Protein backbone atom coordinates (compact mmCIF):
# COMPACT_ATOMS: atom_id res chain seq x y z
CA UNK A 1 0.61 -20.25 -14.07
CA UNK A 2 -0.01 -20.69 -10.29
CA UNK A 3 -3.53 -20.33 -8.96
CA UNK A 4 -3.99 -17.37 -6.69
CA UNK A 5 -3.80 -19.35 -3.37
CA UNK A 6 -0.49 -20.96 -4.42
CA UNK A 7 0.94 -17.62 -5.75
CA UNK A 8 -0.07 -15.82 -2.62
CA UNK A 9 1.64 -18.48 -0.44
CA UNK A 10 4.93 -18.49 -2.52
CA UNK A 11 5.28 -14.71 -2.61
CA UNK A 12 4.43 -14.30 1.09
CA UNK A 13 7.26 -16.78 1.82
CA UNK A 14 9.64 -14.73 -0.32
CA UNK A 15 8.53 -11.52 1.24
CA UNK A 16 8.88 -12.84 4.77
CA UNK A 17 12.41 -14.06 3.94
CA UNK A 18 13.77 -10.60 2.97
CA UNK A 19 16.61 -9.74 5.45
CA UNK A 20 16.34 -6.80 7.75
CA UNK A 21 19.11 -4.91 6.03
CA UNK A 22 17.37 -5.32 2.58
CA UNK A 23 14.01 -4.34 4.11
CA UNK A 24 15.63 -1.14 5.28
CA UNK A 25 17.08 -0.43 1.90
CA UNK A 26 13.82 -1.19 0.11
CA UNK A 27 11.84 1.10 2.54
CA UNK A 28 14.36 4.04 1.80
CA UNK A 29 14.16 3.26 -1.96
CA UNK A 30 10.37 3.38 -1.82
CA UNK A 31 10.35 6.64 0.18
CA UNK A 32 12.63 8.23 -2.48
CA UNK A 33 10.36 7.14 -5.25
CA UNK A 34 7.24 8.47 -3.43
CA UNK A 35 8.57 11.82 -2.42
CA UNK A 36 9.30 12.75 -6.11
CA UNK A 37 5.80 12.24 -7.23
CA UNK A 38 3.97 15.59 -7.76
CA UNK A 39 0.71 14.01 -6.45
CA UNK A 40 2.43 13.18 -3.15
CA UNK A 41 4.12 16.52 -2.75
CA UNK A 42 0.79 18.37 -3.10
CA UNK A 43 -1.36 15.84 -0.96
CA UNK A 44 -3.00 16.80 2.29
CA UNK A 45 -4.09 13.30 3.41
CA UNK A 46 -2.31 10.12 2.41
CA UNK A 47 -3.52 6.69 3.45
CA UNK A 48 -0.67 4.38 4.42
CA UNK A 49 -0.37 1.20 6.44
CA UNK A 50 1.83 -0.33 9.15
CA UNK A 51 3.85 -3.10 7.63
CA UNK A 52 3.57 -6.70 8.67
CA UNK A 53 4.21 -10.17 7.13
CA UNK A 54 7.31 -8.84 5.32
CA UNK A 55 5.45 -5.99 3.58
CA UNK A 56 7.60 -3.11 2.33
CA UNK A 57 7.88 -0.67 5.21
CA UNK A 58 6.32 2.87 4.87
CA UNK A 59 7.90 4.32 7.99
CA UNK A 60 10.63 6.32 6.06
CA UNK A 61 7.80 7.69 3.88
CA UNK A 62 5.77 8.54 6.88
CA UNK A 63 8.74 10.50 8.38
CA UNK A 64 9.12 12.43 5.12
CA UNK A 65 5.36 13.19 5.09
CA UNK A 66 5.47 14.40 8.76
CA UNK A 67 8.50 16.60 8.09
CA UNK A 68 6.48 18.25 5.18
CA UNK A 69 3.24 18.76 6.87
CA UNK A 70 1.38 16.05 4.97
CA UNK A 71 -1.10 14.07 7.28
CA UNK A 72 -0.77 10.35 7.18
CA UNK A 73 -3.60 7.92 8.05
CA UNK A 74 -3.66 4.18 8.47
CA UNK A 75 -6.48 1.72 8.26
CA UNK A 76 -8.73 0.89 11.22
CA UNK A 77 -10.59 -2.43 10.93
CA UNK A 78 -14.12 -1.67 12.06
CA UNK A 79 -16.18 -4.20 13.90
CA UNK A 80 -18.49 -6.50 11.90
CA UNK A 81 -17.63 -4.93 8.58
CA UNK A 82 -14.98 -4.93 5.84
CA UNK A 83 -15.20 -1.17 5.37
CA UNK A 84 -12.03 0.36 6.54
CA UNK A 85 -11.80 3.66 8.38
CA UNK A 86 -8.60 5.70 8.40
CA UNK A 87 -7.10 7.23 11.53
CA UNK A 88 -4.31 9.94 11.69
CA UNK A 89 -0.93 8.62 12.84
CA UNK A 90 2.08 10.58 14.02
CA UNK A 91 5.45 9.92 15.73
CA UNK A 92 3.83 9.44 19.15
CA UNK A 93 0.52 7.83 18.30
CA UNK A 94 -0.56 5.17 20.72
CA UNK A 95 -1.09 1.81 18.93
CA UNK A 96 -3.06 -1.30 19.69
CA UNK A 97 -3.64 -4.69 18.03
CA UNK A 98 -6.64 -5.07 15.68
CA UNK A 99 -8.84 -8.16 15.72
CA UNK A 100 -6.56 -9.49 12.97
CA UNK A 101 -3.41 -8.80 14.97
CA UNK A 102 -2.42 -5.78 12.92
CA UNK A 103 -1.28 -2.65 14.79
CA UNK A 104 -3.53 0.40 14.45
CA UNK A 105 -3.96 3.82 16.29
CA UNK A 106 -5.93 3.49 19.50
CA UNK A 107 -9.07 5.45 18.45
CA UNK A 108 -12.85 5.07 18.41
CA UNK A 109 -14.52 4.34 15.07
CA UNK A 110 -16.25 7.76 15.04
CA UNK A 111 -12.82 9.35 15.07
CA UNK A 112 -11.86 7.81 11.71
CA UNK A 113 -12.31 9.28 8.16
CA UNK A 114 -13.71 7.65 5.08
CA UNK A 115 -11.52 6.53 2.14
CA UNK A 116 -13.03 9.42 0.00
CA UNK A 117 -11.38 11.96 2.26
CA UNK A 118 -7.91 10.71 1.27
CA UNK A 119 -6.00 12.29 -1.61
CA UNK A 120 -3.85 9.11 -2.00
CA UNK A 121 -4.28 5.60 -0.76
CA UNK A 122 -1.20 3.36 -0.52
CA UNK A 123 -2.09 -0.37 -0.56
CA UNK A 124 0.27 -3.24 0.32
CA UNK A 125 0.40 -5.90 -2.37
CA UNK A 126 1.32 -9.62 -2.28
CA UNK A 127 1.68 -9.58 -6.15
CA UNK A 128 1.04 -7.22 -9.08
CA UNK A 129 1.11 -7.41 -12.86
CA UNK A 130 1.92 -4.71 -15.43
CA UNK A 131 -1.88 -4.22 -16.12
CA UNK A 132 -2.67 -2.87 -12.73
CA UNK A 133 -4.11 -6.00 -11.37
CA UNK A 134 -3.15 -6.88 -7.79
CA UNK A 135 -3.23 -9.73 -5.36
CA UNK A 136 -3.74 -9.03 -1.74
CA UNK A 137 -3.96 -11.06 1.35
CA UNK A 138 -7.42 -12.26 0.34
CA UNK A 139 -9.49 -10.49 3.03
CA UNK A 140 -11.18 -8.05 0.55
CA UNK A 141 -10.95 -5.04 2.93
CA UNK A 142 -9.52 -2.69 0.39
CA UNK A 143 -11.86 -3.78 -2.39
CA UNK A 144 -14.84 -3.51 -0.08
CA UNK A 145 -13.78 -0.10 1.13
CA UNK A 146 -13.21 1.34 -2.33
CA UNK A 147 -16.41 -0.06 -3.74
CA UNK A 148 -18.41 1.37 -0.89
CA UNK A 149 -16.77 4.83 -1.36
CA UNK A 150 -17.58 4.62 -5.07
CA UNK A 151 -21.16 3.61 -4.47
CA UNK A 152 -21.53 6.45 -2.02
CA UNK A 153 -20.35 8.88 -4.59
CA UNK A 154 -17.31 9.71 -2.70
CA UNK A 155 -14.16 11.19 -4.38
CA UNK A 156 -11.80 8.44 -5.37
CA UNK A 157 -8.31 8.72 -3.89
CA UNK A 158 -5.41 7.97 -6.15
CA UNK A 159 -4.84 4.32 -5.69
CA UNK A 160 -1.16 3.25 -5.41
CA UNK A 161 -0.14 -0.24 -4.86
CA UNK A 162 3.34 -0.73 -3.20
CA UNK A 163 5.54 -3.78 -3.12
CA UNK A 164 9.07 -5.05 -3.44
CA UNK A 165 10.02 -5.29 -7.12
CA UNK A 166 10.33 -9.13 -6.97
CA UNK A 167 6.54 -9.24 -6.29
CA UNK A 168 5.75 -8.50 -9.97
CA UNK A 169 4.34 -11.37 -12.01
CA UNK A 170 3.41 -11.86 -15.62
CA UNK A 171 -0.43 -11.91 -15.23
CA UNK A 172 -3.04 -11.94 -12.49
CA UNK A 173 -6.51 -12.82 -13.54
CA UNK A 174 -8.85 -10.27 -11.86
CA UNK A 175 -12.05 -11.24 -10.11
CA UNK A 176 -15.18 -9.15 -10.88
CA UNK A 177 -14.97 -7.42 -7.49
CA UNK A 178 -11.29 -6.43 -7.72
CA UNK A 179 -10.53 -2.69 -7.72
CA UNK A 180 -7.42 -1.99 -9.91
CA UNK A 181 -4.69 0.45 -8.94
CA UNK A 182 -3.76 3.64 -10.76
CA UNK A 183 -0.06 3.21 -10.08
CA UNK A 184 2.38 0.64 -8.74
CA UNK A 185 5.43 1.78 -6.90
CA UNK A 186 8.25 -0.48 -5.74
CA UNK A 187 11.61 0.27 -4.22
CA UNK A 188 13.12 0.92 -7.68
CA UNK A 189 10.33 1.66 -10.21
CA UNK A 190 7.24 3.75 -10.74
CA UNK A 191 4.58 2.25 -12.97
CA UNK A 192 1.85 4.70 -13.91
CA UNK A 193 -1.04 2.66 -15.17
CA UNK A 194 -2.98 5.72 -16.25
CA UNK A 195 -0.29 6.58 -18.67
CA UNK A 196 2.06 3.60 -19.28
CA UNK A 197 4.46 5.79 -21.44
CA UNK A 198 5.42 7.60 -18.34
CA UNK A 199 6.40 4.42 -16.39
CA UNK A 200 9.93 4.84 -15.41
CA UNK A 201 12.78 3.04 -13.73
CA UNK A 202 14.91 4.74 -11.03
CA UNK A 203 18.53 3.80 -11.64
CA UNK A 204 19.54 5.01 -8.30
CA UNK A 205 17.52 2.41 -6.39
CA UNK A 206 17.33 -0.45 -8.90
CA UNK A 207 18.87 -3.63 -7.35
CA UNK A 208 18.04 -7.23 -6.56
CA UNK A 209 17.11 -7.72 -2.93
CA UNK A 210 18.61 -10.68 -1.10
CA UNK A 211 16.72 -12.96 1.04
CA UNK A 212 17.79 -14.42 4.36
């Protein structure tokens, strides 16, 4: 079994190598999975992200939300802290680069909302296993944000990890500070870790993605 550093490096290379056409197919497949979830269809606020580093793209999912009057928000990296704020994003929202070089809405920190205001939080994954353990980029932003929300007594959003199907691995050993996800959704499968018996495979989108 690879250590986390090696596993992260290996899967990031694979993720970065996915061709543009396969990325588009994967993004559409993911959107189809998400929009069929009852929790998504009834949500008011959904935390999403702006894809980078080969992450599966949420733009088609955002478009569907906008068409259905569901407000989408993306993370804002606050200064001198790992606690993320979330800012609304729409078709014409002005974006700027964060201190980590990730695009985010051009807003002041006091214009952001806390994670506890979200109904659903979609988190990008580098790797996942079938027990709900996840491997991120290693910065600890989502873990810190969710822990701070829990410690403050905030309502916990439904935590959904999203990734390409090939990012699944046999086992990830969690660290004590890791916050597991409630569901994992890929371009072809929904895994509900709250009730594994309901985990299902979408035959319409299942396929192997090619790399460039």
